Amino acid sequence: MKLDPDAAWKLWLFTDADHASKTDHGYSTSGSLLAIAGGRSFFPATFQSKRQTACSRSTTEAEAIALATALFSDAIPVQEFLSQLLGVKVPIICNQDNTATIQCIRNRYSACLRHLGKTHKINVQGLYAAFKELDISIQHCPTEQQAADVFTKCLDVHKWQVALDMIGVFDPHVEK
């Protein structure tokens, strides 16, 4: 990702889910990274990795849960705080690697996800309404650039350093 040195501050939200990959239970794992970015700066502000509270029936459902959890519990409160602090609205850009999840949100409804309000206490309509705001957007992120991937599953050894670089974790004593 190339950064403009004079760019305005933005909140980058990366969310991912690992749909029921454990053999001992059927719960998915949600992962997210919220970073404050602008110019050449990229500062990880919050992250989370946690088991979802109910079993998801599909990857799309698990991804929607991860997105809703991170957006409403982390990104929007940080956006409100920074907007008050800086005196300007700081936009949120949500990066999602599941195109079906993005399409369900843009369509405002999904028959396959209609039970989310009962099982996970969120709804697609709430996500749709959040993304209708001018300062909150969602975009497709290729899986290999999904920074939240490291919070959802064990990665192969050859992917570990790339994952650490994406979330801004590095050894300050090693020059790049």
Protein backbone atom coordinates (compact mmCIF):
# COMPACT_ATOMS: atom_id res chain seq x y z
CA MET A 1 0.00 0.00 0.00
CA LYS A 2 1.48 3.35 -1.06
CA LEU A 3 0.85 6.26 1.30
CA ASP A 4 0.67 9.94 0.39
CA PRO A 5 2.87 11.89 2.87
CA ASP A 6 0.31 14.75 2.98
CA ALA A 7 -2.79 12.57 3.32
CA ALA A 8 -5.45 13.32 5.94
CA TRP A 9 -5.98 11.02 8.92
CA LYS A 10 -8.13 7.94 8.37
CA LEU A 11 -9.11 4.90 10.39
CA TRP A 12 -8.33 1.63 8.64
CA LEU A 13 -10.40 -1.27 9.96
CA PHE A 14 -9.42 -4.79 8.93
CA THR A 15 -11.77 -7.61 9.95
CA ASP A 16 -11.59 -11.33 9.34
CA ALA A 17 -13.17 -14.53 10.59
CA ASP A 18 -12.07 -18.15 10.64
CA HIS A 19 -15.28 -20.10 10.14
CA ALA A 20 -15.50 -23.03 12.59
CA SER A 21 -12.02 -24.41 11.95
CA LYS A 22 -11.61 -26.09 15.36
CA THR A 23 -12.56 -29.73 15.62
CA ASP A 24 -13.57 -29.52 19.30
CA HIS A 25 -16.24 -26.82 18.74
CA GLY A 26 -18.11 -25.14 15.89
CA TYR A 27 -17.54 -21.55 16.90
CA SER A 28 -15.79 -19.14 14.54
CA THR A 29 -13.02 -16.78 15.57
CA SER A 30 -13.31 -13.04 14.89
CA GLY A 31 -10.23 -10.92 14.38
CA SER A 32 -9.78 -7.22 13.77
CA LEU A 33 -7.19 -4.50 13.57
CA LEU A 34 -8.00 -0.78 13.75
CA ALA A 35 -5.18 1.52 12.70
CA ILE A 36 -4.88 5.29 12.53
CA ALA A 37 -3.24 6.13 9.22
CA GLY A 38 -2.25 9.27 7.40
CA GLY A 39 0.66 10.18 5.20
CA ARG A 40 3.43 7.73 5.97
CA SER A 41 2.04 6.94 9.43
CA PHE A 42 0.30 3.70 10.37
CA PHE A 43 -0.42 3.26 14.07
CA PRO A 44 -2.28 0.15 15.29
CA ALA A 45 -4.84 1.48 17.80
CA THR A 46 -6.92 -1.60 18.71
CA PHE A 47 -7.01 -5.26 17.87
CA GLN A 48 -9.00 -8.24 18.97
CA SER A 49 -9.19 -11.97 18.56
CA LYS A 50 -12.11 -13.74 20.15
CA ARG A 51 -14.41 -16.66 19.79
CA GLN A 52 -17.86 -15.78 18.50
CA THR A 53 -20.75 -16.37 20.91
CA ALA A 54 -22.83 -18.61 18.63
CA CYS A 55 -22.08 -21.04 15.83
CA SER A 56 -22.13 -19.44 12.40
CA ARG A 57 -23.65 -21.35 9.51
CA SER A 58 -21.38 -19.89 6.83
CA THR A 59 -18.21 -17.93 6.23
CA THR A 60 -20.33 -14.95 5.15
CA GLU A 61 -22.14 -15.00 8.49
CA ALA A 62 -18.89 -15.31 10.48
CA GLU A 63 -17.35 -12.42 8.51
CA ALA A 64 -20.43 -10.21 9.10
CA ILE A 65 -20.22 -10.88 12.85
CA ALA A 66 -16.52 -10.00 12.93
CA LEU A 67 -17.18 -6.79 10.99
CA ALA A 68 -20.11 -5.69 13.15
CA THR A 69 -18.26 -6.41 16.39
CA ALA A 70 -15.18 -4.40 15.40
CA LEU A 71 -17.09 -1.57 13.72
CA PHE A 72 -19.48 -0.89 16.60
CA SER A 73 -17.18 -1.67 19.54
CA ASP A 74 -13.89 -0.20 18.28
CA ALA A 75 -14.00 1.83 15.07
CA ILE A 76 -17.00 4.11 15.63
CA PRO A 77 -16.06 5.02 19.24
CA VAL A 78 -12.46 5.79 18.17
CA GLN A 79 -13.79 7.81 15.23
CA GLU A 80 -15.98 9.89 17.54
CA PHE A 81 -13.09 10.47 19.95
CA LEU A 82 -10.63 11.52 17.21
CA SER A 83 -13.23 13.73 15.55
CA GLN A 84 -13.77 15.57 18.85
CA LEU A 85 -10.04 15.79 19.50
CA LEU A 86 -9.02 16.95 16.02
CA GLY A 87 -12.11 19.01 15.19
CA VAL A 88 -12.60 17.22 11.85
CA LYS A 89 -14.43 14.05 10.91
CA VAL A 90 -12.02 11.12 10.55
CA PRO A 91 -13.32 8.62 7.98
CA ILE A 92 -13.39 4.86 8.57
CA ILE A 93 -12.38 2.55 5.73
CA CYS A 94 -13.35 -1.06 6.40
CA ASN A 95 -11.33 -3.70 4.60
CA GLN A 96 -13.19 -6.98 4.05
CA ASP A 97 -11.89 -9.93 2.04
CA ASN A 98 -15.26 -11.68 1.64
CA THR A 99 -17.19 -10.30 -1.33
CA ALA A 100 -20.41 -12.10 -0.32
CA THR A 101 -20.40 -10.25 3.02
CA ILE A 102 -19.90 -6.90 1.27
CA GLN A 103 -22.75 -7.69 -1.14
CA CYS A 104 -25.16 -8.67 1.67
CA ILE A 105 -24.46 -5.37 3.42
CA ARG A 106 -24.89 -3.33 0.23
CA ASN A 107 -28.17 -5.16 -0.50
CA ARG A 108 -29.42 -4.30 3.02
CA TYR A 109 -30.75 -7.82 3.53
CA SER A 110 -29.85 -11.48 3.12
CA ALA A 111 -32.34 -14.28 3.61
CA CYS A 112 -29.45 -16.53 4.63
CA LEU A 113 -28.48 -14.08 7.40
CA ARG A 114 -31.96 -13.13 8.65
CA HIS A 115 -31.45 -15.00 11.95
CA LEU A 116 -28.41 -12.91 13.03
CA GLY A 117 -30.49 -10.70 15.32
CA LYS A 118 -31.50 -13.72 17.39
CA THR A 119 -28.25 -15.71 17.41
CA HIS A 120 -25.58 -13.00 17.39
CA LYS A 121 -27.52 -9.85 18.42
CA ILE A 122 -26.63 -7.94 15.22
CA ASN A 123 -28.44 -7.38 11.94
CA VAL A 124 -27.50 -6.69 8.35
CA GLN A 125 -29.76 -3.61 8.35
CA GLY A 126 -27.62 -2.06 11.12
CA LEU A 127 -24.46 -2.59 9.07
CA TYR A 128 -26.19 -1.19 5.98
CA ALA A 129 -27.19 1.93 7.94
CA ALA A 130 -23.63 2.41 9.24
CA PHE A 131 -22.19 2.26 5.73
CA LYS A 132 -24.73 4.80 4.46
CA GLU A 133 -22.87 7.39 6.55
CA LEU A 134 -20.59 9.55 4.40
CA ASP A 135 -17.57 8.93 6.60
CA ILE A 136 -17.79 5.12 6.85
CA SER A 137 -17.02 2.96 3.82
CA ILE A 138 -16.34 -0.66 3.00
CA GLN A 139 -14.04 -1.98 0.34
CA HIS A 140 -12.79 -5.35 -0.84
CA CYS A 141 -9.36 -6.28 0.42
CA PRO A 142 -7.48 -9.17 -1.20
CA THR A 143 -6.95 -12.00 1.28
CA GLU A 144 -3.16 -11.71 1.06
CA GLN A 145 -3.47 -8.06 2.25
CA GLN A 146 -5.93 -8.84 5.07
CA ALA A 147 -4.12 -7.59 8.17
CA ALA A 148 -6.65 -9.19 10.56
CA ASP A 149 -5.85 -12.68 9.28
CA VAL A 150 -3.13 -13.05 11.93
CA PHE A 151 -5.78 -12.75 14.69
CA THR A 152 -8.00 -15.59 13.44
CA LYS A 153 -5.80 -18.60 12.80
CA CYS A 154 -2.35 -20.14 13.08
CA LEU A 155 -0.32 -19.06 10.09
CA ASP A 156 2.31 -21.01 8.22
CA VAL A 157 5.86 -20.04 9.16
CA HIS A 158 6.51 -18.42 5.76
CA LYS A 159 3.47 -16.10 6.21
CA TRP A 160 4.34 -14.97 9.75
CA GLN A 161 6.75 -12.10 8.94
CA VAL A 162 4.42 -10.74 6.24
CA ALA A 163 1.55 -10.78 8.77
CA LEU A 164 3.63 -8.93 11.38
CA ASP A 165 4.63 -6.30 8.80
CA MET A 166 0.96 -5.74 7.89
CA ILE A 167 -0.03 -5.04 11.50
CA GLY A 168 2.93 -2.74 12.14
CA VAL A 169 4.85 -5.03 14.49
CA PHE A 170 8.59 -5.03 13.91
CA ASP A 171 11.91 -5.26 15.67
CA PRO A 172 13.26 -1.67 15.91
CA HIS A 173 16.83 -3.00 15.97
CA VAL A 174 16.54 -4.61 12.54
CA GLU A 175 16.90 -2.28 9.54
CA LYS A 176 14.65 -2.86 6.56
